[in-house]
Structures are given as C-alpha cells and as structure tokens.
Amino acid sequence: MEGKDLTELKEVLETVSDKVPSLIGGLVSAVMTNVYSPEAGQQLGKAVGAFYNELVASGIPAEEALKMAKDYLGVMSSALEKAKAEKH
C-alpha cells in the first residue's frame, strides 16, 4: 500500500471505531425498549396462549400442552434475559 492509501485506511478505521459502538448501542437500546414494553408482554402472552391452544386443538392432552407452553415461555424468557445481559 502506498502512503496515501494507508492514510485513507487509517481515517476510515478511525471513523468506524468512533461510529460503530454508538450505532450498536442505539440498536440494542431500541430492541430492549421494544422487547420489555407492555405491548411486548401482551404479545408474548398471546403467543404462548395461541401455542397452547394449537397444541390442544391438535390433540395434545391439556396437561402435556400446558407443560410445553410453560417450556416455550421459559425459552423465550431466557432469550430475553440473555439479550438484556449482553446489553450491559
């Protein structure tokens, strides 16, 4: 690489190192706001309820469907907690 190319590369990398962290931080913040909003809680409740109802309608015994729905909620909650922990 020539001197001019190295200078340009250095400038690009400096710009990227300045801008990317704030962009990622803003994105994570927006995701967390949407994930932990009351509306997100309502949507999760509806999703778990629909999952349970679909299992029962498909012939899964209610007791087993309830266990599966609880497991589904646990998986979703764990994923949200992991995302929250990665933010900090």
N, C-alpha and C. Protein backbone atom coordinates (compact mmCIF):
# COMPACT_ATOMS: atom_id res chain seq x y z
N MET A 1 0.84 -1.18 0.00
CA MET A 1 0.00 0.00 0.00
C MET A 1 0.88 1.24 0.00
N GLU A 2 0.39 2.23 -0.66
CA GLU A 2 1.10 3.50 -0.70
C GLU A 2 0.73 4.33 0.51
N GLY A 3 1.49 5.38 0.77
CA GLY A 3 1.26 6.25 1.92
C GLY A 3 -0.13 6.85 1.92
N LYS A 4 -0.61 7.28 0.75
CA LYS A 4 -1.94 7.89 0.66
C LYS A 4 -3.02 6.86 1.01
N ASP A 5 -2.85 5.64 0.50
CA ASP A 5 -3.82 4.58 0.79
C ASP A 5 -3.85 4.25 2.28
N LEU A 6 -2.68 4.20 2.89
CA LEU A 6 -2.61 3.92 4.32
C LEU A 6 -3.26 5.02 5.14
N THR A 7 -3.07 6.25 4.72
CA THR A 7 -3.69 7.38 5.42
C THR A 7 -5.21 7.30 5.30
N GLU A 8 -5.70 6.99 4.11
CA GLU A 8 -7.15 6.86 3.91
C GLU A 8 -7.71 5.70 4.73
N LEU A 9 -6.99 4.58 4.74
CA LEU A 9 -7.43 3.43 5.52
C LEU A 9 -7.48 3.78 7.00
N LYS A 10 -6.48 4.47 7.48
CA LYS A 10 -6.44 4.89 8.88
C LYS A 10 -7.64 5.77 9.20
N GLU A 11 -7.97 6.71 8.32
CA GLU A 11 -9.11 7.60 8.54
C GLU A 11 -10.42 6.81 8.57
N VAL A 12 -10.55 5.86 7.67
CA VAL A 12 -11.77 5.05 7.62
C VAL A 12 -11.90 4.24 8.91
N LEU A 13 -10.82 3.60 9.33
CA LEU A 13 -10.87 2.79 10.56
C LEU A 13 -11.15 3.64 11.78
N GLU A 14 -10.60 4.84 11.84
CA GLU A 14 -10.89 5.74 12.96
C GLU A 14 -12.37 6.13 12.98
N THR A 15 -12.91 6.41 11.82
CA THR A 15 -14.33 6.76 11.73
C THR A 15 -15.20 5.59 12.16
N VAL A 16 -14.86 4.40 11.67
CA VAL A 16 -15.62 3.21 12.03
C VAL A 16 -15.55 2.97 13.53
N SER A 17 -14.35 3.09 14.11
CA SER A 17 -14.22 2.83 15.55
C SER A 17 -14.96 3.87 16.38
N ASP A 18 -15.14 5.07 15.84
CA ASP A 18 -15.90 6.10 16.55
C ASP A 18 -17.41 5.89 16.42
N LYS A 19 -17.86 5.49 15.25
CA LYS A 19 -19.29 5.44 14.96
C LYS A 19 -19.96 4.12 15.32
N VAL A 20 -19.30 3.01 15.09
CA VAL A 20 -19.94 1.70 15.25
C VAL A 20 -20.44 1.46 16.68
N PRO A 21 -19.64 1.73 17.72
CA PRO A 21 -20.17 1.47 19.07
C PRO A 21 -21.47 2.21 19.38
N SER A 22 -21.58 3.46 18.96
CA SER A 22 -22.82 4.19 19.23
C SER A 22 -23.98 3.65 18.40
N LEU A 23 -23.70 3.21 17.19
CA LEU A 23 -24.75 2.60 16.37
C LEU A 23 -25.25 1.30 16.99
N ILE A 24 -24.33 0.48 17.44
CA ILE A 24 -24.71 -0.79 18.07
C ILE A 24 -25.45 -0.52 19.37
N GLY A 25 -24.95 0.43 20.16
CA GLY A 25 -25.62 0.77 21.42
C GLY A 25 -27.04 1.25 21.19
N GLY A 26 -27.23 2.08 20.17
CA GLY A 26 -28.57 2.57 19.84
C GLY A 26 -29.49 1.45 19.39
N LEU A 27 -28.96 0.54 18.62
CA LEU A 27 -29.75 -0.60 18.14
C LEU A 27 -30.16 -1.49 19.30
N VAL A 28 -29.22 -1.81 20.18
CA VAL A 28 -29.53 -2.65 21.34
C VAL A 28 -30.56 -1.97 22.22
N SER A 29 -30.40 -0.67 22.42
CA SER A 29 -31.35 0.08 23.25
C SER A 29 -32.76 0.03 22.65
N ALA A 30 -32.85 0.20 21.35
CA ALA A 30 -34.16 0.16 20.68
C ALA A 30 -34.79 -1.22 20.80
N VAL A 31 -33.99 -2.25 20.62
CA VAL A 31 -34.51 -3.62 20.75
C VAL A 31 -34.99 -3.87 22.16
N MET A 32 -34.20 -3.47 23.15
CA MET A 32 -34.58 -3.71 24.54
C MET A 32 -35.85 -2.95 24.91
N THR A 33 -35.99 -1.73 24.42
CA THR A 33 -37.19 -0.95 24.68
C THR A 33 -38.42 -1.66 24.13
N ASN A 34 -38.28 -2.19 22.93
CA ASN A 34 -39.41 -2.89 22.32
C ASN A 34 -39.67 -4.24 22.96
N VAL A 35 -38.63 -4.92 23.39
CA VAL A 35 -38.79 -6.24 23.98
C VAL A 35 -39.42 -6.16 25.36
N TYR A 36 -39.09 -5.14 26.13
CA TYR A 36 -39.58 -5.04 27.50
C TYR A 36 -40.75 -4.08 27.67
N SER A 37 -41.41 -3.73 26.61
CA SER A 37 -42.56 -2.84 26.69
C SER A 37 -43.80 -3.63 27.12
N PRO A 38 -44.81 -2.94 27.65
CA PRO A 38 -46.06 -3.63 27.98
C PRO A 38 -46.67 -4.34 26.77
N GLU A 39 -46.53 -3.72 25.62
CA GLU A 39 -47.07 -4.33 24.40
C GLU A 39 -46.35 -5.63 24.08
N ALA A 40 -45.04 -5.67 24.32
CA ALA A 40 -44.28 -6.89 24.06
C ALA A 40 -44.74 -8.00 25.01
N GLY A 41 -45.03 -7.64 26.26
CA GLY A 41 -45.55 -8.62 27.22
C GLY A 41 -46.89 -9.17 26.78
N GLN A 42 -47.74 -8.30 26.27
CA GLN A 42 -49.05 -8.74 25.77
C GLN A 42 -48.87 -9.69 24.59
N GLN A 43 -47.96 -9.34 23.70
CA GLN A 43 -47.73 -10.19 22.52
C GLN A 43 -47.18 -11.55 22.93
N LEU A 44 -46.27 -11.56 23.91
CA LEU A 44 -45.73 -12.83 24.37
C LEU A 44 -46.83 -13.68 25.00
N GLY A 45 -47.68 -13.06 25.80
CA GLY A 45 -48.80 -13.79 26.40
C GLY A 45 -49.72 -14.37 25.35
N LYS A 46 -50.02 -13.59 24.33
CA LYS A 46 -50.87 -14.07 23.24
C LYS A 46 -50.20 -15.23 22.50
N ALA A 47 -48.89 -15.11 22.28
CA ALA A 47 -48.16 -16.16 21.57
C ALA A 47 -48.17 -17.47 22.36
N VAL A 48 -47.94 -17.38 23.66
CA VAL A 48 -47.95 -18.58 24.50
C VAL A 48 -49.35 -19.19 24.54
N GLY A 49 -50.37 -18.34 24.68
CA GLY A 49 -51.75 -18.82 24.68
C GLY A 49 -52.13 -19.48 23.37
N ALA A 50 -51.73 -18.87 22.27
CA ALA A 50 -52.03 -19.45 20.96
C ALA A 50 -51.30 -20.77 20.77
N PHE A 51 -50.07 -20.84 21.25
CA PHE A 51 -49.29 -22.08 21.18
C PHE A 51 -50.00 -23.20 21.95
N TYR A 52 -50.42 -22.88 23.16
CA TYR A 52 -51.15 -23.85 24.00
C TYR A 52 -52.44 -24.31 23.30
N ASN A 53 -53.22 -23.34 22.83
CA ASN A 53 -54.50 -23.67 22.17
C ASN A 53 -54.28 -24.54 20.94
N GLU A 54 -53.25 -24.25 20.18
CA GLU A 54 -52.96 -25.02 18.98
C GLU A 54 -52.55 -26.45 19.34
N LEU A 55 -51.77 -26.59 20.40
CA LEU A 55 -51.40 -27.94 20.85
C LEU A 55 -52.62 -28.75 21.24
N VAL A 56 -53.51 -28.15 22.04
CA VAL A 56 -54.73 -28.83 22.48
C VAL A 56 -55.61 -29.17 21.28
N ALA A 57 -55.76 -28.21 20.37
CA ALA A 57 -56.58 -28.44 19.17
C ALA A 57 -56.00 -29.56 18.30
N SER A 58 -54.70 -29.76 18.40
CA SER A 58 -54.05 -30.81 17.61
C SER A 58 -54.11 -32.17 18.28
N GLY A 59 -54.74 -32.21 19.46
CA GLY A 59 -54.90 -33.49 20.13
C GLY A 59 -53.92 -33.77 21.26
N ILE A 60 -53.07 -32.82 21.57
CA ILE A 60 -52.14 -32.98 22.69
C ILE A 60 -52.96 -32.86 23.98
N PRO A 61 -52.80 -33.78 24.92
CA PRO A 61 -53.53 -33.67 26.19
C PRO A 61 -53.23 -32.33 26.88
N ALA A 62 -54.24 -31.75 27.51
CA ALA A 62 -54.12 -30.42 28.11
C ALA A 62 -52.94 -30.32 29.07
N GLU A 63 -52.73 -31.35 29.87
CA GLU A 63 -51.63 -31.33 30.84
C GLU A 63 -50.27 -31.25 30.13
N GLU A 64 -50.11 -32.03 29.08
CA GLU A 64 -48.86 -32.01 28.30
C GLU A 64 -48.72 -30.68 27.56
N ALA A 65 -49.81 -30.17 27.01
CA ALA A 65 -49.78 -28.89 26.30
C ALA A 65 -49.38 -27.76 27.25
N LEU A 66 -49.87 -27.81 28.49
CA LEU A 66 -49.52 -26.80 29.48
C LEU A 66 -48.02 -26.85 29.77
N LYS A 67 -47.48 -28.06 29.92
CA LYS A 67 -46.05 -28.20 30.16
C LYS A 67 -45.25 -27.64 28.99
N MET A 68 -45.68 -27.96 27.78
CA MET A 68 -44.98 -27.47 26.58
C MET A 68 -45.07 -25.95 26.48
N ALA A 69 -46.22 -25.38 26.82
CA ALA A 69 -46.38 -23.92 26.79
C ALA A 69 -45.49 -23.26 27.83
N LYS A 70 -45.39 -23.87 29.01
CA LYS A 70 -44.50 -23.33 30.05
C LYS A 70 -43.05 -23.39 29.59
N ASP A 71 -42.68 -24.49 28.96
CA ASP A 71 -41.32 -24.62 28.43
C ASP A 71 -41.05 -23.55 27.37
N TYR A 72 -42.02 -23.33 26.51
CA TYR A 72 -41.90 -22.31 25.46
C TYR A 72 -41.71 -20.93 26.09
N LEU A 73 -42.50 -20.61 27.10
CA LEU A 73 -42.36 -19.33 27.79
C LEU A 73 -40.99 -19.23 28.44
N GLY A 74 -40.51 -20.32 29.03
CA GLY A 74 -39.19 -20.33 29.64
C GLY A 74 -38.08 -20.05 28.64
N VAL A 75 -38.18 -20.67 27.48
CA VAL A 75 -37.18 -20.45 26.43
C VAL A 75 -37.20 -18.99 25.99
N MET A 76 -38.39 -18.45 25.77
CA MET A 76 -38.49 -17.06 25.35
C MET A 76 -37.95 -16.12 26.42
N SER A 77 -38.28 -16.38 27.68
CA SER A 77 -37.80 -15.54 28.78
C SER A 77 -36.29 -15.60 28.90
N SER A 78 -35.73 -16.80 28.75
CA SER A 78 -34.27 -16.95 28.81
C SER A 78 -33.59 -16.17 27.70
N ALA A 79 -34.16 -16.23 26.51
CA ALA A 79 -33.58 -15.49 25.39
C ALA A 79 -33.61 -13.99 25.66
N LEU A 80 -34.70 -13.50 26.23
CA LEU A 80 -34.81 -12.08 26.55
C LEU A 80 -33.81 -11.68 27.63
N GLU A 81 -33.66 -12.53 28.64
CA GLU A 81 -32.70 -12.23 29.72
C GLU A 81 -31.28 -12.23 29.18
N LYS A 82 -30.97 -13.16 28.28
CA LYS A 82 -29.64 -13.20 27.69
C LYS A 82 -29.38 -11.93 26.89
N ALA A 83 -30.36 -11.49 26.13
CA ALA A 83 -30.22 -10.26 25.35
C ALA A 83 -30.02 -9.07 26.29
N LYS A 84 -30.75 -9.06 27.39
CA LYS A 84 -30.63 -7.97 28.36
C LYS A 84 -29.24 -7.97 28.99
N ALA A 85 -28.73 -9.15 29.34
CA ALA A 85 -27.41 -9.26 29.96
C ALA A 85 -26.31 -8.81 29.00
N GLU A 86 -26.46 -9.12 27.73
CA GLU A 86 -25.47 -8.73 26.74
C GLU A 86 -25.44 -7.23 26.52
N LYS A 87 -26.54 -6.57 26.82
CA LYS A 87 -26.61 -5.11 26.68
C LYS A 87 -25.70 -4.44 27.69
N HIS A 88 -25.60 -5.03 28.89
CA HIS A 88 -24.82 -4.42 29.97
C HIS A 88 -23.45 -4.93 29.90
